[in-house]
Every structure is written in C-alpha cells, then in structure tokens.
Amino acid sequence: MLGAAGLFSLMGAGVKFASVHYGAGEIVFFRAAVGLLLMGLLMRWRGIARSTPVAAMHFWRSLAGVTSLCLWFYAIGGLPLGTAVTLNYMSSVWIALFLIGGSVLLAAPGQGGVDGRLVASVLAGFAGVALVLRPTIEQDQLWYGLCGLLSGVLAAVAYLQVSALGRAGEPEERVVFYFSLAGVVGGFALAQATGGLQTFASGPARTQPGLVGPALLLGIGVLATAAQWMLTRAYAIGSALVNSALQYTGIVFSFTLGVWLFNDPVTAQALAGMALIVAAGLAATMLRSKVSTARNTSAEP
C-alpha cells in the first residue's frame, strides 16, 4: 500500500507536468490505454475470461470512476498537487455521508438513529476542506477546487460499486480491465470534444511537447497501472483498515512533491486542513469497520 501511494503520487506529478501540453481527456485516454493493454495481457496469462455476467455493474462503476478520473486530472492541472490529491482522498468522508443518508432513509420508526461519531467525522472532513481551500486556492482556481471535490464524491461512488463487484465474485483483473476500457472510450470522447487527440501534433495554439510529452503519457500509464495492481494486491492480502490508513500517506507524498517540483505554497492552515481530512477519513473508516463487524456478528446463528 505504501508503494501504491507513492506511485500514485508520482503519477499525479506526471499529470501536472503533462497538463501543460495535453487536456484531461488525452491524459485519461493514454493512461487507460496503457492499463488496458497491460491488464489484457495479464488476464490472458492467468486465463481470466473477459466475458462477465454483471455487465451493468461494470458499466456504472466505470462511468463513475472515469468521470472522477477526468475531473481529478483536470483539477490537478489547476491546483497545487497536494490540494488536488487531498480533495480526491475525501472519498472516505463522502462514503460516511452516504451511510448517514442511508441510515436516515432506511431506519425503521423507533429504532436507533445515526451514529454521532460518524456525523462528527463528516463535519471534521468538511472543516478540513475549508482550511485546505481557503489558503491555497486563488479566485480563478475555485472551479478547479469544485471539480476536485466532485471527483472525490464520484470516487466514493466507484469504491462502493467496486465493493459490490467483489461481493458478486468478479476478479480484480476484470474490474480494472473494464475500467481501463471505459477510460479509453471516455478519454477519447472528452479529447474529441475539446480539440481531439493531438499527442504528436503541433500548432500555434499548442505548447510544443516534443518527445517529453509522449514519454510523460507513457509514464503516467505505467505508474497508474502498477499502483492499481499494488493497491488491489494490498487489499487482497492485508487488513482493509490498515490499508485505508496507509493510503493517506499519498497526501504526504503529493504535498512534498508539490512543494519540491512546483513550489506549491506551505501554510499552517493548509497543513491543519490536510490533517483534519486524514483524521476524518480514518475515523469514518474505523466506524464503518466496526458497524460491518457488528452486523456480521449479529447475523451469525
């Protein structure tokens, strides 16, 4: 998980460099194309069929995931790296908020209400967002900040759908394969809508990337695929709670890279906000774990 967090942070730095030359659609397209090729080869080597009995579940998971990815890459291009990554990592807090809404809607009359600790974790997460955004986002960056927030919401939706696919017995490789396939389609469509795939093209309205641009796109794809594989492996063999905690080191890695490579600002408010978001995400994850354990125990004969 530490390796995955580090590789995702390096990928984020690559996206920020590449966003000078390419739009979010192009970056998503090539990131997904590399992943599709690598996962297709891995599935063939391991004898995993591409056909699936739950195509609709893959569609909705991929739609949420690819949209989140496009918004996140777009936000990385216009925000400090640490800020963009922090907003995307709000997914645990959003999941907690979804659980609160579900508890309110589905609770039977006269039964217990929402866990106050879960509410507190959500409020702490939003307080952290306010601290992060206020000192690090200029007026012309507000749109990027909103896109970063929405990417976290959709990442939470995608995470819940991945969990559902796991319960349905879908292998991780197939889930990543279809996500990559959707990324190729979605990235191509977005790129066409915003000027087309012009990776090797040049023109007066385009910064000349030379060979550096395609190398960045290839690097982003390799880093993302390797990180996704390590992430999947970590959750397959390790504790989900420990993995969730270690995953937040990606914020630290990205913040450090942002300061080092892009001279991103360092403020006490931003650091406090990041710490609040991490604490809120960890608290929400622990509470969800306890609730899940309690339900499983009460369901046993």
C-alpha atoms as a PDB file:
ATOM      1  CA  MET A   1       0.000   0.000   0.000  1.00  0.00           C
ATOM      2  CA  LEU A   2       2.875   2.376   0.713  1.00  0.00           C
ATOM      3  CA  GLY A   3       4.299   1.583  -2.701  1.00  0.00           C
ATOM      4  CA  ALA A   4       0.919   2.184  -4.350  1.00  0.00           C
ATOM      5  CA  ALA A   5       0.529   5.534  -2.555  1.00  0.00           C
ATOM      6  CA  GLY A   6       3.999   6.593  -3.693  1.00  0.00           C
ATOM      7  CA  LEU A   7       3.384   5.577  -7.306  1.00  0.00           C
ATOM      8  CA  PHE A   8       0.014   7.324  -7.427  1.00  0.00           C
ATOM      9  CA  SER A   9       1.717  10.478  -6.116  1.00  0.00           C
ATOM     10  CA  LEU A  10       4.360  10.265  -8.835  1.00  0.00           C
ATOM     11  CA  MET A  11       1.562   9.743 -11.360  1.00  0.00           C
ATOM     12  CA  GLY A  12      -0.121  12.901 -10.066  1.00  0.00           C
ATOM     13  CA  ALA A  13       3.105  14.853 -10.553  1.00  0.00           C
ATOM     14  CA  GLY A  14       3.314  13.445 -14.086  1.00  0.00           C
ATOM     15  CA  VAL A  15      -0.268  14.539 -14.766  1.00  0.00           C
ATOM     16  CA  LYS A  16       0.544  18.072 -13.591  1.00  0.00           C
ATOM     17  CA  PHE A  17       3.561  18.214 -15.925  1.00  0.00           C
ATOM     18  CA  ALA A  18       1.572  16.702 -18.795  1.00  0.00           C
ATOM     19  CA  SER A  19      -1.365  19.100 -18.323  1.00  0.00           C
ATOM     20  CA  VAL A  20       0.842  21.849 -19.742  1.00  0.00           C
ATOM     21  CA  HIS A  21       0.763  20.051 -23.099  1.00  0.00           C
ATOM     22  CA  TYR A  22      -2.454  17.989 -23.029  1.00  0.00           C
ATOM     23  CA  GLY A  23      -6.061  18.214 -21.936  1.00  0.00           C
ATOM     24  CA  ALA A  24      -7.605  15.959 -19.294  1.00  0.00           C
ATOM     25  CA  GLY A  25      -9.240  13.798 -21.986  1.00  0.00           C
ATOM     26  CA  GLU A  26      -5.954  12.979 -23.695  1.00  0.00           C
ATOM     27  CA  ILE A  27      -4.252  12.144 -20.411  1.00  0.00           C
ATOM     28  CA  VAL A  28      -7.128   9.871 -19.338  1.00  0.00           C
ATOM     29  CA  PHE A  29      -7.131   8.174 -22.755  1.00  0.00           C
ATOM     30  CA  PHE A  30      -3.445   7.243 -22.742  1.00  0.00           C
ATOM     31  CA  ARG A  31      -3.394   6.381 -19.044  1.00  0.00           C
ATOM     32  CA  ALA A  32      -6.293   3.968 -19.681  1.00  0.00           C
ATOM     33  CA  ALA A  33      -4.834   2.616 -22.943  1.00  0.00           C
ATOM     34  CA  VAL A  34      -1.643   1.508 -21.196  1.00  0.00           C
ATOM     35  CA  GLY A  35      -3.684  -0.063 -18.396  1.00  0.00           C
ATOM     36  CA  LEU A  36      -5.969  -1.832 -20.873  1.00  0.00           C
ATOM     37  CA  LEU A  37      -3.009  -3.364 -22.698  1.00  0.00           C
ATOM     38  CA  LEU A  38      -1.236  -4.495 -19.530  1.00  0.00           C
ATOM     39  CA  MET A  39      -4.370  -5.881 -17.848  1.00  0.00           C
ATOM     40  CA  GLY A  40      -5.432  -7.624 -21.075  1.00  0.00           C
ATOM     41  CA  LEU A  41      -2.072  -9.398 -21.230  1.00  0.00           C
ATOM     42  CA  LEU A  42      -2.285 -10.297 -17.535  1.00  0.00           C
ATOM     43  CA  MET A  43      -5.798 -11.716 -17.917  1.00  0.00           C
ATOM     44  CA  ARG A  44      -4.691 -13.822 -20.882  1.00  0.00           C
ATOM     45  CA  TRP A  45      -1.681 -15.115 -18.954  1.00  0.00           C
ATOM     46  CA  ARG A  46      -3.824 -16.015 -15.926  1.00  0.00           C
ATOM     47  CA  GLY A  47      -6.662 -17.484 -18.001  1.00  0.00           C
ATOM     48  CA  ILE A  48      -9.312 -14.992 -16.891  1.00  0.00           C
ATOM     49  CA  ALA A  49     -12.194 -14.615 -19.360  1.00  0.00           C
ATOM     50  CA  ARG A  50     -13.256 -11.145 -20.495  1.00  0.00           C
ATOM     51  CA  SER A  51     -16.965 -12.039 -20.503  1.00  0.00           C
ATOM     52  CA  THR A  52     -18.904 -11.090 -17.376  1.00  0.00           C
ATOM     53  CA  PRO A  53     -22.391 -11.877 -16.043  1.00  0.00           C
ATOM     54  CA  VAL A  54     -22.653  -8.444 -14.366  1.00  0.00           C
ATOM     55  CA  ALA A  55     -22.040  -6.082 -17.283  1.00  0.00           C
ATOM     56  CA  ALA A  56     -24.421  -3.427 -15.898  1.00  0.00           C
ATOM     57  CA  MET A  57     -22.462  -3.240 -12.636  1.00  0.00           C
ATOM     58  CA  HIS A  58     -19.232  -2.760 -14.570  1.00  0.00           C
ATOM     59  CA  PHE A  59     -20.878  -0.008 -16.635  1.00  0.00           C
ATOM     60  CA  TRP A  60     -21.961   2.064 -13.627  1.00  0.00           C
ATOM     61  CA  ARG A  61     -18.673   1.500 -11.790  1.00  0.00           C
ATOM     62  CA  SER A  62     -16.712   2.522 -14.871  1.00  0.00           C
ATOM     63  CA  LEU A  63     -18.897   5.567 -15.537  1.00  0.00           C
ATOM     64  CA  ALA A  64     -18.378   6.872 -12.004  1.00  0.00           C
ATOM     65  CA  GLY A  65     -14.681   6.011 -11.963  1.00  0.00           C
ATOM     66  CA  VAL A  66     -13.805   7.502 -15.353  1.00  0.00           C
ATOM     67  CA  THR A  67     -15.756  10.698 -14.661  1.00  0.00           C
ATOM     68  CA  SER A  68     -13.978  11.005 -11.316  1.00  0.00           C
ATOM     69  CA  LEU A  69     -10.630  10.441 -13.013  1.00  0.00           C
ATOM     70  CA  CYS A  70     -11.299  13.099 -15.673  1.00  0.00           C
ATOM     71  CA  LEU A  71     -12.327  15.647 -13.043  1.00  0.00           C
ATOM     72  CA  TRP A  72      -9.316  14.805 -10.875  1.00  0.00           C
ATOM     73  CA  PHE A  73      -6.809  15.146 -13.713  1.00  0.00           C
ATOM     74  CA  TYR A  74      -8.439  18.443 -14.679  1.00  0.00           C
ATOM     75  CA  ALA A  75      -8.183  19.666 -11.071  1.00  0.00           C
ATOM     76  CA  ILE A  76      -4.519  18.622 -10.815  1.00  0.00           C
ATOM     77  CA  GLY A  77      -3.748  20.886 -13.772  1.00  0.00           C
ATOM     78  CA  GLY A  78      -5.098  23.962 -11.985  1.00  0.00           C
ATOM     79  CA  LEU A  79      -4.456  23.345  -8.277  1.00  0.00           C
ATOM     80  CA  PRO A  80      -1.460  22.726  -6.023  1.00  0.00           C
ATOM     81  CA  LEU A  81      -0.732  18.996  -6.241  1.00  0.00           C
ATOM     82  CA  GLY A  82      -1.277  18.332  -2.529  1.00  0.00           C
ATOM     83  CA  THR A  83      -4.613  20.175  -2.584  1.00  0.00           C
ATOM     84  CA  ALA A  84      -5.945  18.235  -5.591  1.00  0.00           C
ATOM     85  CA  VAL A  85      -4.932  14.888  -4.091  1.00  0.00           C
ATOM     86  CA  THR A  86      -6.425  15.789  -0.704  1.00  0.00           C
ATOM     87  CA  LEU A  87      -9.793  16.665  -2.255  1.00  0.00           C
ATOM     88  CA  ASN A  88      -9.855  13.358  -4.138  1.00  0.00           C
ATOM     89  CA  TYR A  89      -8.985  11.483  -0.922  1.00  0.00           C
ATOM     90  CA  MET A  90     -12.176  12.891   0.631  1.00  0.00           C
ATOM     91  CA  SER A  91     -13.871   9.736  -0.702  1.00  0.00           C
ATOM     92  CA  SER A  92     -13.916   8.070   2.748  1.00  0.00           C
ATOM     93  CA  VAL A  93     -15.734  11.078   4.203  1.00  0.00           C
ATOM     94  CA  TRP A  94     -18.250  11.060   1.334  1.00  0.00           C
ATOM     95  CA  ILE A  95     -18.893   7.342   1.892  1.00  0.00           C
ATOM     96  CA  ALA A  96     -19.603   8.113   5.550  1.00  0.00           C
ATOM     97  CA  LEU A  97     -22.057  10.802   4.439  1.00  0.00           C
ATOM     98  CA  PHE A  98     -23.766   8.302   2.114  1.00  0.00           C
ATOM     99  CA  LEU A  99     -24.072   5.892   5.049  1.00  0.00           C
ATOM    100  CA  ILE A 100     -25.638   8.610   7.184  1.00  0.00           C
ATOM    101  CA  GLY A 101     -28.183   9.353   4.458  1.00  0.00           C
ATOM    102  CA  GLY A 102     -28.939   5.659   4.038  1.00  0.00           C
ATOM    103  CA  SER A 103     -29.401   5.205   7.788  1.00  0.00           C
ATOM    104  CA  VAL A 104     -31.851   8.104   7.935  1.00  0.00           C
ATOM    105  CA  LEU A 105     -33.874   6.894   4.948  1.00  0.00           C
ATOM    106  CA  LEU A 106     -33.931   3.196   5.824  1.00  0.00           C
ATOM    107  CA  ALA A 107     -34.221   3.297   9.619  1.00  0.00           C
ATOM    108  CA  ALA A 108     -37.431   1.834  10.973  1.00  0.00           C
ATOM    109  CA  PRO A 109     -39.579   4.054  13.192  1.00  0.00           C
ATOM    110  CA  GLY A 110     -38.486   3.969  16.820  1.00  0.00           C
ATOM    111  CA  GLN A 111     -35.085   2.425  16.071  1.00  0.00           C
ATOM    112  CA  GLY A 112     -31.685   3.957  16.759  1.00  0.00           C
ATOM    113  CA  GLY A 113     -30.565   6.987  14.794  1.00  0.00           C
ATOM    114  CA  VAL A 114     -27.319   7.913  13.132  1.00  0.00           C
ATOM    115  CA  ASP A 115     -24.037   7.358  14.990  1.00  0.00           C
ATOM    116  CA  GLY A 116     -22.960  10.788  16.227  1.00  0.00           C
ATOM    117  CA  ARG A 117     -19.300   9.878  15.789  1.00  0.00           C
ATOM    118  CA  LEU A 118     -19.891   9.320  12.081  1.00  0.00           C
ATOM    119  CA  VAL A 119     -21.542  12.733  11.817  1.00  0.00           C
ATOM    120  CA  ALA A 120     -18.573  14.282  13.645  1.00  0.00           C
ATOM    121  CA  SER A 121     -16.118  12.655  11.223  1.00  0.00           C
ATOM    122  CA  VAL A 122     -18.014  14.084   8.239  1.00  0.00           C
ATOM    123  CA  LEU A 123     -18.107  17.570   9.771  1.00  0.00           C
ATOM    124  CA  ALA A 124     -14.387  17.360  10.563  1.00  0.00           C
ATOM    125  CA  GLY A 125     -13.699  16.386   6.972  1.00  0.00           C
ATOM    126  CA  PHE A 126     -15.582  19.382   5.622  1.00  0.00           C
ATOM    127  CA  ALA A 127     -13.825  21.671   8.103  1.00  0.00           C
ATOM    128  CA  GLY A 128     -10.564  20.312   6.736  1.00  0.00           C
ATOM    129  CA  VAL A 129     -11.673  21.083   3.186  1.00  0.00           C
ATOM    130  CA  ALA A 130     -12.435  24.670   4.185  1.00  0.00           C
ATOM    131  CA  LEU A 131      -8.968  25.046   5.699  1.00  0.00           C
ATOM    132  CA  VAL A 132      -7.276  23.497   2.667  1.00  0.00           C
ATOM    133  CA  LEU A 133      -9.137  25.504   0.049  1.00  0.00           C
ATOM    134  CA  ARG A 134      -9.120  28.927   1.667  1.00  0.00           C
ATOM    135  CA  PRO A 135      -5.353  29.447   1.891  1.00  0.00           C
ATOM    136  CA  THR A 136      -4.303  27.555  -1.241  1.00  0.00           C
ATOM    137  CA  ILE A 137      -6.895  28.417  -3.902  1.00  0.00           C
ATOM    138  CA  GLU A 138      -6.998  31.755  -5.661  1.00  0.00           C
ATOM    139  CA  GLN A 139     -10.246  33.180  -7.035  1.00  0.00           C
ATOM    140  CA  ASP A 140      -9.536  31.860 -10.530  1.00  0.00           C
ATOM    141  CA  GLN A 141      -8.890  28.373  -9.101  1.00  0.00           C
ATOM    142  CA  LEU A 142     -12.295  27.946  -7.442  1.00  0.00           C
ATOM    143  CA  TRP A 143     -13.684  25.992 -10.414  1.00  0.00           C
ATOM    144  CA  TYR A 144     -10.756  23.560 -10.186  1.00  0.00           C
ATOM    145  CA  GLY A 145     -11.453  23.154  -6.479  1.00  0.00           C
ATOM    146  CA  LEU A 146     -15.112  22.291  -7.120  1.00  0.00           C
ATOM    147  CA  CYS A 147     -14.051  19.749  -9.748  1.00  0.00           C
ATOM    148  CA  GLY A 148     -11.630  18.225  -7.235  1.00  0.00           C
ATOM    149  CA  LEU A 149     -14.417  17.940  -4.658  1.00  0.00           C
ATOM    150  CA  LEU A 150     -16.754  16.300  -7.175  1.00  0.00           C
ATOM    151  CA  SER A 151     -14.010  13.856  -8.159  1.00  0.00           C
ATOM    152  CA  GLY A 152     -13.924  12.716  -4.527  1.00  0.00           C
ATOM    153  CA  VAL A 153     -17.711  12.227  -4.474  1.00  0.00           C
ATOM    154  CA  LEU A 154     -17.612  10.080  -7.604  1.00  0.00           C
ATOM    155  CA  ALA A 155     -14.573   8.176  -6.322  1.00  0.00           C
ATOM    156  CA  ALA A 156     -16.671   7.224  -3.283  1.00  0.00           C
ATOM    157  CA  VAL A 157     -19.480   6.015  -5.565  1.00  0.00           C
ATOM    158  CA  ALA A 158     -16.974   3.995  -7.605  1.00  0.00           C
ATOM    159  CA  TYR A 159     -15.483   2.495  -4.429  1.00  0.00           C
ATOM    160  CA  LEU A 160     -18.915   1.311  -3.273  1.00  0.00           C
ATOM    161  CA  GLN A 161     -19.524  -0.233  -6.692  1.00  0.00           C
ATOM    162  CA  VAL A 162     -16.145  -1.987  -6.652  1.00  0.00           C
ATOM    163  CA  SER A 163     -17.099  -3.499  -3.284  1.00  0.00           C
ATOM    164  CA  ALA A 164     -20.363  -4.712  -4.815  1.00  0.00           C
ATOM    165  CA  LEU A 165     -18.477  -6.266  -7.735  1.00  0.00           C
ATOM    166  CA  GLY A 166     -16.183  -8.032  -5.286  1.00  0.00           C
ATOM    167  CA  ARG A 167     -19.186  -9.469  -3.446  1.00  0.00           C
ATOM    168  CA  ALA A 168     -20.515 -10.627  -6.827  1.00  0.00           C
ATOM    169  CA  GLY A 169     -17.332 -12.662  -7.321  1.00  0.00           C
ATOM    170  CA  GLU A 170     -15.720 -10.595 -10.062  1.00  0.00           C
ATOM    171  CA  PRO A 171     -11.903 -10.929 -10.232  1.00  0.00           C
ATOM    172  CA  GLU A 172      -9.947  -7.732  -9.638  1.00  0.00           C
ATOM    173  CA  GLU A 173      -8.217  -8.009 -13.017  1.00  0.00           C
ATOM    174  CA  ARG A 174     -11.543  -7.962 -14.854  1.00  0.00           C
ATOM    175  CA  VAL A 175     -12.742  -4.959 -12.855  1.00  0.00           C
ATOM    176  CA  VAL A 176      -9.587  -3.000 -13.708  1.00  0.00           C
ATOM    177  CA  PHE A 177      -9.761  -4.176 -17.341  1.00  0.00           C
ATOM    178  CA  TYR A 178     -13.278  -2.825 -17.889  1.00  0.00           C
ATOM    179  CA  PHE A 179     -12.433   0.354 -16.013  1.00  0.00           C
ATOM    180  CA  SER A 180      -9.480   0.859 -18.358  1.00  0.00           C
ATOM    181  CA  LEU A 181     -11.677   0.120 -21.381  1.00  0.00           C
ATOM    182  CA  ALA A 182     -14.161   2.743 -20.222  1.00  0.00           C
ATOM    183  CA  GLY A 183     -11.260   5.146 -19.680  1.00  0.00           C
ATOM    184  CA  VAL A 184     -10.161   4.708 -23.294  1.00  0.00           C
ATOM    185  CA  VAL A 185     -13.692   5.415 -24.555  1.00  0.00           C
ATOM    186  CA  GLY A 186     -14.358   8.271 -22.144  1.00  0.00           C
ATOM    187  CA  GLY A 187     -10.964   9.855 -22.613  1.00  0.00           C
ATOM    188  CA  PHE A 188     -11.286   9.700 -26.388  1.00  0.00           C
ATOM    189  CA  ALA A 189     -14.752  11.262 -26.280  1.00  0.00           C
ATOM    190  CA  LEU A 190     -13.604  14.068 -23.973  1.00  0.00           C
ATOM    191  CA  ALA A 191     -10.495  14.691 -26.073  1.00  0.00           C
ATOM    192  CA  GLN A 192     -12.571  14.888 -29.261  1.00  0.00           C
ATOM    193  CA  ALA A 193     -14.972  17.310 -27.610  1.00  0.00           C
ATOM    194  CA  THR A 194     -12.102  19.578 -26.532  1.00  0.00           C
ATOM    195  CA  GLY A 195      -9.919  19.572 -29.632  1.00  0.00           C
ATOM    196  CA  GLY A 196      -9.111  15.952 -30.463  1.00  0.00           C
ATOM    197  CA  LEU A 197      -6.188  13.645 -29.781  1.00  0.00           C
ATOM    198  CA  GLN A 198      -3.180  15.692 -30.833  1.00  0.00           C
ATOM    199  CA  THR A 199      -0.446  13.936 -28.913  1.00  0.00           C
ATOM    200  CA  PHE A 200       2.082  14.121 -31.707  1.00  0.00           C
ATOM    201  CA  ALA A 201       0.608  17.208 -33.369  1.00  0.00           C
ATOM    202  CA  SER A 202       1.841  20.753 -33.155  1.00  0.00           C
ATOM    203  CA  GLY A 203       0.383  24.136 -33.860  1.00  0.00           C
ATOM    204  CA  PRO A 204       0.310  27.761 -32.803  1.00  0.00           C
ATOM    205  CA  ALA A 205      -2.288  27.098 -30.083  1.00  0.00           C
ATOM    206  CA  ARG A 206      -0.383  24.189 -28.618  1.00  0.00           C
ATOM    207  CA  THR A 207       2.706  24.048 -26.441  1.00  0.00           C
ATOM    208  CA  GLN A 208       5.397  22.030 -28.213  1.00  0.00           C
ATOM    209  CA  PRO A 209       5.840  18.860 -26.141  1.00  0.00           C
ATOM    210  CA  GLY A 210       8.484  17.186 -28.325  1.00  0.00           C
ATOM    211  CA  LEU A 211       9.290  13.696 -27.093  1.00  0.00           C
ATOM    212  CA  VAL A 212       8.799  14.704 -23.461  1.00  0.00           C
ATOM    213  CA  GLY A 213       5.008  14.787 -23.807  1.00  0.00           C
ATOM    214  CA  PRO A 214       4.527  11.226 -25.098  1.00  0.00           C
ATOM    215  CA  ALA A 215       7.084   9.993 -22.542  1.00  0.00           C
ATOM    216  CA  LEU A 216       5.024  11.609 -19.773  1.00  0.00           C
ATOM    217  CA  LEU A 217       1.842   9.945 -21.041  1.00  0.00           C
ATOM    218  CA  LEU A 218       3.542   6.551 -21.149  1.00  0.00           C
ATOM    219  CA  GLY A 219       4.978   7.070 -17.672  1.00  0.00           C
ATOM    220  CA  ILE A 220       1.575   8.069 -16.282  1.00  0.00           C
ATOM    221  CA  GLY A 221       0.026   4.886 -17.694  1.00  0.00           C
ATOM    222  CA  VAL A 222       2.746   2.595 -16.337  1.00  0.00           C
ATOM    223  CA  LEU A 223       2.769   4.252 -12.895  1.00  0.00           C
ATOM    224  CA  ALA A 224      -1.023   4.173 -12.620  1.00  0.00           C
ATOM    225  CA  THR A 225      -1.282   0.519 -13.683  1.00  0.00           C
ATOM    226  CA  ALA A 226       1.490  -0.598 -11.318  1.00  0.00           C
ATOM    227  CA  ALA A 227      -0.051   1.407  -8.468  1.00  0.00           C
ATOM    228  CA  GLN A 228      -3.516  -0.048  -9.142  1.00  0.00           C
ATOM    229  CA  TRP A 229      -2.088  -3.552  -9.141  1.00  0.00           C
ATOM    230  CA  MET A 230      -0.254  -2.972  -5.844  1.00  0.00           C
ATOM    231  CA  LEU A 231      -3.400  -1.425  -4.347  1.00  0.00           C
ATOM    232  CA  THR A 232      -5.500  -4.429  -5.365  1.00  0.00           C
ATOM    233  CA  ARG A 233      -2.883  -6.824  -4.013  1.00  0.00           C
ATOM    234  CA  ALA A 234      -2.692  -4.945  -0.702  1.00  0.00           C
ATOM    235  CA  TYR A 235      -6.443  -5.200  -0.171  1.00  0.00           C
ATOM    236  CA  ALA A 236      -6.375  -8.880  -1.189  1.00  0.00           C
ATOM    237  CA  ILE A 237      -3.785  -9.946   1.408  1.00  0.00           C
ATOM    238  CA  GLY A 238      -3.883  -7.253   4.107  1.00  0.00           C
ATOM    239  CA  SER A 239      -6.176  -5.578   6.597  1.00  0.00           C
ATOM    240  CA  ALA A 240      -8.632  -3.178   4.968  1.00  0.00           C
ATOM    241  CA  LEU A 241      -8.370  -0.803   7.938  1.00  0.00           C
ATOM    242  CA  VAL A 242      -4.568  -0.729   7.877  1.00  0.00           C
ATOM    243  CA  ASN A 243      -4.610  -0.269   4.102  1.00  0.00           C
ATOM    244  CA  SER A 244      -7.030   2.644   4.403  1.00  0.00           C
ATOM    245  CA  ALA A 245      -4.726   4.277   6.934  1.00  0.00           C
ATOM    246  CA  LEU A 246      -1.603   3.764   4.829  1.00  0.00           C
ATOM    247  CA  GLN A 247      -3.376   5.033   1.719  1.00  0.00           C
ATOM    248  CA  TYR A 248      -3.469   8.515   3.235  1.00  0.00           C
ATOM    249  CA  THR A 249       0.321   8.696   3.028  1.00  0.00           C
ATOM    250  CA  GLY A 250      -0.366   9.600  -0.611  1.00  0.00           C
ATOM    251  CA  ILE A 251      -1.361  13.077   0.608  1.00  0.00           C
ATOM    252  CA  VAL A 252       2.003  13.478   2.318  1.00  0.00           C
ATOM    253  CA  PHE A 253       3.891  12.233  -0.733  1.00  0.00           C
ATOM    254  CA  SER A 254       1.926  14.509  -3.083  1.00  0.00           C
ATOM    255  CA  PHE A 255       2.267  17.539  -0.829  1.00  0.00           C
ATOM    256  CA  THR A 256       6.036  17.004  -0.657  1.00  0.00           C
ATOM    257  CA  LEU A 257       6.299  16.585  -4.437  1.00  0.00           C
ATOM    258  CA  GLY A 258       4.187  19.696  -4.967  1.00  0.00           C
ATOM    259  CA  VAL A 259       6.442  21.816  -2.779  1.00  0.00           C
ATOM    260  CA  TRP A 260       9.610  20.353  -4.305  1.00  0.00           C
ATOM    261  CA  LEU A 261       8.678  20.294  -8.000  1.00  0.00           C
ATOM    262  CA  PHE A 262       6.065  23.045  -8.357  1.00  0.00           C
ATOM    263  CA  ASN A 263       6.837  25.440  -5.487  1.00  0.00           C
ATOM    264  CA  ASP A 264       3.349  24.947  -4.060  1.00  0.00           C
ATOM    265  CA  PRO A 265       2.642  27.156  -1.024  1.00  0.00           C
ATOM    266  CA  VAL A 266       3.064  25.801   2.505  1.00  0.00           C
ATOM    267  CA  THR A 267       0.712  27.320   5.081  1.00  0.00           C
ATOM    268  CA  ALA A 268      -0.253  26.313   8.598  1.00  0.00           C
ATOM    269  CA  GLN A 269      -3.938  26.348   7.630  1.00  0.00           C
ATOM    270  CA  ALA A 270      -3.370  24.027   4.687  1.00  0.00           C
ATOM    271  CA  LEU A 271      -1.411  21.575   6.831  1.00  0.00           C
ATOM    272  CA  ALA A 272      -4.099  21.671   9.534  1.00  0.00           C
ATOM    273  CA  GLY A 273      -6.794  21.074   6.921  1.00  0.00           C
ATOM    274  CA  MET A 274      -4.984  18.076   5.460  1.00  0.00           C
ATOM    275  CA  ALA A 275      -4.538  16.637   8.953  1.00  0.00           C
ATOM    276  CA  LEU A 276      -8.280  17.073   9.630  1.00  0.00           C
ATOM    277  CA  ILE A 277      -9.242  15.333   6.381  1.00  0.00           C
ATOM    278  CA  VAL A 278      -6.890  12.424   7.101  1.00  0.00           C
ATOM    279  CA  ALA A 279      -8.214  12.096  10.670  1.00  0.00           C
ATOM    280  CA  ALA A 280     -11.829  12.299   9.470  1.00  0.00           C
ATOM    281  CA  GLY A 281     -11.247   9.674   6.791  1.00  0.00           C
ATOM    282  CA  LEU A 282      -9.559   7.308   9.230  1.00  0.00           C
ATOM    283  CA  ALA A 283     -12.305   7.789  11.821  1.00  0.00           C
ATOM    284  CA  ALA A 284     -15.029   7.154   9.235  1.00  0.00           C
ATOM    285  CA  THR A 285     -13.222   4.031   8.021  1.00  0.00           C
ATOM    286  CA  MET A 286     -12.845   2.662  11.563  1.00  0.00           C
ATOM    287  CA  LEU A 287     -16.507   3.328  12.363  1.00  0.00           C
ATOM    288  CA  ARG A 288     -17.627   1.629   9.134  1.00  0.00           C
ATOM    289  CA  SER A 289     -15.422  -1.345  10.013  1.00  0.00           C
ATOM    290  CA  LYS A 290     -16.971  -1.630  13.479  1.00  0.00           C
ATOM    291  CA  VAL A 291     -20.507  -1.379  12.089  1.00  0.00           C
ATOM    292  CA  SER A 292     -19.753  -4.046   9.477  1.00  0.00           C
ATOM    293  CA  THR A 293     -18.252  -6.374  12.123  1.00  0.00           C
ATOM    294  CA  ALA A 294     -21.241  -5.873  14.405  1.00  0.00           C
ATOM    295  CA  ARG A 295     -23.676  -6.669  11.609  1.00  0.00           C
ATOM    296  CA  ASN A 296     -21.791  -9.806  10.629  1.00  0.00           C
ATOM    297  CA  THR A 297     -21.696 -10.970  14.255  1.00  0.00           C
ATOM    298  CA  SER A 298     -25.420 -10.369  14.791  1.00  0.00           C
ATOM    299  CA  ALA A 299     -26.184 -12.255  11.560  1.00  0.00           C
ATOM    300  CA  GLU A 300     -24.400 -15.406  12.745  1.00  0.00           C
ATOM    301  CA  PRO A 301     -26.698 -18.224  14.011  1.00  0.00           C
END
